[in-house]
Amino acid sequence: MTATDETFTAVRSVLVRTLQLGGKATTLTRGTELLGSLAELDSMAVMQLLQALEEYFGIAVPDDEISADMFATLGVLADFIESKLAA
């Protein structure tokens, strides 16, 4: 499931706010690599980001659904959130 523009924009906003990316916000696209490429996204930040996404979207992400794959790119993360919203 591909994320809507609204969901993508919201996920990007939560990411920017949680990781305090400031000026980098305008450079983040669906293809922006996250885990392993975005220095601010370490293991602690992953958990903070997931918590922020859960709170913002009113969803729950069980531990067994969390994987490095879902943080491959910003688009993949947004698609994952869209799938949780549709469930």
C-alpha atoms as a PDB file:
ATOM      1  CA  MET A   1       0.000   0.000   0.000  1.00  0.00           C
ATOM      2  CA  THR A   2       1.409   3.357  -1.025  1.00  0.00           C
ATOM      3  CA  ALA A   3       1.077   6.198   1.449  1.00  0.00           C
ATOM      4  CA  THR A   4      -1.101   9.142   0.539  1.00  0.00           C
ATOM      5  CA  ASP A   5       0.578  12.528   0.255  1.00  0.00           C
ATOM      6  CA  GLU A   6      -1.126  13.517   3.510  1.00  0.00           C
ATOM      7  CA  THR A   7       0.270  10.509   5.383  1.00  0.00           C
ATOM      8  CA  PHE A   8       3.733  10.967   3.865  1.00  0.00           C
ATOM      9  CA  THR A   9       3.800  14.641   4.848  1.00  0.00           C
ATOM     10  CA  ALA A  10       2.696  13.817   8.401  1.00  0.00           C
ATOM     11  CA  VAL A  11       5.292  11.031   8.772  1.00  0.00           C
ATOM     12  CA  ARG A  12       7.996  13.390   7.473  1.00  0.00           C
ATOM     13  CA  SER A  13       6.856  16.062   9.933  1.00  0.00           C
ATOM     14  CA  VAL A  14       6.972  13.643  12.885  1.00  0.00           C
ATOM     15  CA  LEU A  15      10.422  12.450  11.775  1.00  0.00           C
ATOM     16  CA  VAL A  16      11.766  16.001  11.487  1.00  0.00           C
ATOM     17  CA  ARG A  17      10.325  17.018  14.853  1.00  0.00           C
ATOM     18  CA  THR A  18      11.416  13.865  16.697  1.00  0.00           C
ATOM     19  CA  LEU A  19      14.965  13.866  15.333  1.00  0.00           C
ATOM     20  CA  GLN A  20      15.219  17.672  15.394  1.00  0.00           C
ATOM     21  CA  LEU A  21      16.304  17.785  11.750  1.00  0.00           C
ATOM     22  CA  GLY A  22      15.353  21.429  11.230  1.00  0.00           C
ATOM     23  CA  GLY A  23      16.568  22.584   7.827  1.00  0.00           C
ATOM     24  CA  LYS A  24      16.906  19.045   6.449  1.00  0.00           C
ATOM     25  CA  ALA A  25      13.124  18.789   6.225  1.00  0.00           C
ATOM     26  CA  THR A  26      12.986  20.208   2.715  1.00  0.00           C
ATOM     27  CA  THR A  27      15.461  17.629   1.405  1.00  0.00           C
ATOM     28  CA  LEU A  28      13.547  14.583   2.660  1.00  0.00           C
ATOM     29  CA  THR A  29      11.748  12.686  -0.116  1.00  0.00           C
ATOM     30  CA  ARG A  30      10.104   9.273  -0.399  1.00  0.00           C
ATOM     31  CA  GLY A  31      13.464   7.906  -1.530  1.00  0.00           C
ATOM     32  CA  THR A  32      15.490   9.348   1.344  1.00  0.00           C
ATOM     33  CA  GLU A  33      17.348   6.502   3.026  1.00  0.00           C
ATOM     34  CA  LEU A  34      16.913   6.423   6.781  1.00  0.00           C
ATOM     35  CA  LEU A  35      18.465   3.643   8.841  1.00  0.00           C
ATOM     36  CA  GLY A  36      22.196   3.563   8.266  1.00  0.00           C
ATOM     37  CA  SER A  37      22.155   6.787   6.251  1.00  0.00           C
ATOM     38  CA  LEU A  38      20.578   9.349   8.554  1.00  0.00           C
ATOM     39  CA  ALA A  39      23.056   9.866  11.388  1.00  0.00           C
ATOM     40  CA  GLU A  40      20.359  11.125  13.758  1.00  0.00           C
ATOM     41  CA  LEU A  41      18.437   7.837  13.477  1.00  0.00           C
ATOM     42  CA  ASP A  42      20.223   5.580  15.951  1.00  0.00           C
ATOM     43  CA  SER A  43      18.633   2.744  17.918  1.00  0.00           C
ATOM     44  CA  MET A  44      17.300   5.049  20.635  1.00  0.00           C
ATOM     45  CA  ALA A  45      15.907   7.456  18.049  1.00  0.00           C
ATOM     46  CA  VAL A  46      14.119   4.580  16.281  1.00  0.00           C
ATOM     47  CA  MET A  47      12.181   3.850  19.455  1.00  0.00           C
ATOM     48  CA  GLN A  48      11.409   7.548  20.027  1.00  0.00           C
ATOM     49  CA  LEU A  49      10.250   7.884  16.436  1.00  0.00           C
ATOM     50  CA  LEU A  50       8.008   4.831  16.672  1.00  0.00           C
ATOM     51  CA  GLN A  51       6.451   6.151  19.872  1.00  0.00           C
ATOM     52  CA  ALA A  52       5.880   9.561  18.281  1.00  0.00           C
ATOM     53  CA  LEU A  53       4.294   7.962  15.194  1.00  0.00           C
ATOM     54  CA  GLU A  54       2.048   5.773  17.354  1.00  0.00           C
ATOM     55  CA  GLU A  55       0.880   8.794  19.332  1.00  0.00           C
ATOM     56  CA  TYR A  56       0.384  11.044  16.293  1.00  0.00           C
ATOM     57  CA  PHE A  57      -1.539   8.499  14.230  1.00  0.00           C
ATOM     58  CA  GLY A  58      -3.276   6.683  17.103  1.00  0.00           C
ATOM     59  CA  ILE A  59      -1.857   3.323  16.079  1.00  0.00           C
ATOM     60  CA  ALA A  60       0.054   0.531  17.781  1.00  0.00           C
ATOM     61  CA  VAL A  61       3.104  -1.151  16.303  1.00  0.00           C
ATOM     62  CA  PRO A  62       3.742  -4.495  18.003  1.00  0.00           C
ATOM     63  CA  ASP A  63       7.385  -5.415  18.595  1.00  0.00           C
ATOM     64  CA  ASP A  64       7.160  -8.341  16.167  1.00  0.00           C
ATOM     65  CA  GLU A  65       6.320  -5.913  13.330  1.00  0.00           C
ATOM     66  CA  ILE A  66       9.375  -3.735  13.893  1.00  0.00           C
ATOM     67  CA  SER A  67      12.235  -4.413  11.501  1.00  0.00           C
ATOM     68  CA  ALA A  68      15.092  -2.560   9.879  1.00  0.00           C
ATOM     69  CA  ASP A  69      13.278  -2.969   6.534  1.00  0.00           C
ATOM     70  CA  MET A  70      10.519  -0.563   7.581  1.00  0.00           C
ATOM     71  CA  PHE A  71      13.170   2.153   8.019  1.00  0.00           C
ATOM     72  CA  ALA A  72      14.829   1.609   4.620  1.00  0.00           C
ATOM     73  CA  THR A  73      13.474   4.874   3.199  1.00  0.00           C
ATOM     74  CA  LEU A  74      11.063   7.562   4.264  1.00  0.00           C
ATOM     75  CA  GLY A  75       8.619   6.277   1.659  1.00  0.00           C
ATOM     76  CA  VAL A  76       8.751   2.726   3.031  1.00  0.00           C
ATOM     77  CA  LEU A  77       8.112   4.041   6.539  1.00  0.00           C
ATOM     78  CA  ALA A  78       5.177   6.146   5.321  1.00  0.00           C
ATOM     79  CA  ASP A  79       3.777   3.134   3.434  1.00  0.00           C
ATOM     80  CA  PHE A  80       4.020   1.063   6.614  1.00  0.00           C
ATOM     81  CA  ILE A  81       2.132   3.721   8.582  1.00  0.00           C
ATOM     82  CA  GLU A  82      -0.514   3.910   5.821  1.00  0.00           C
ATOM     83  CA  SER A  83      -0.998   0.131   6.070  1.00  0.00           C
ATOM     84  CA  LYS A  84      -1.469   0.402   9.847  1.00  0.00           C
ATOM     85  CA  LEU A  85      -4.069   3.160   9.333  1.00  0.00           C
ATOM     86  CA  ALA A  86      -5.957   0.991   6.842  1.00  0.00           C
ATOM     87  CA  ALA A  87      -5.988  -2.041   9.141  1.00  0.00           C
END
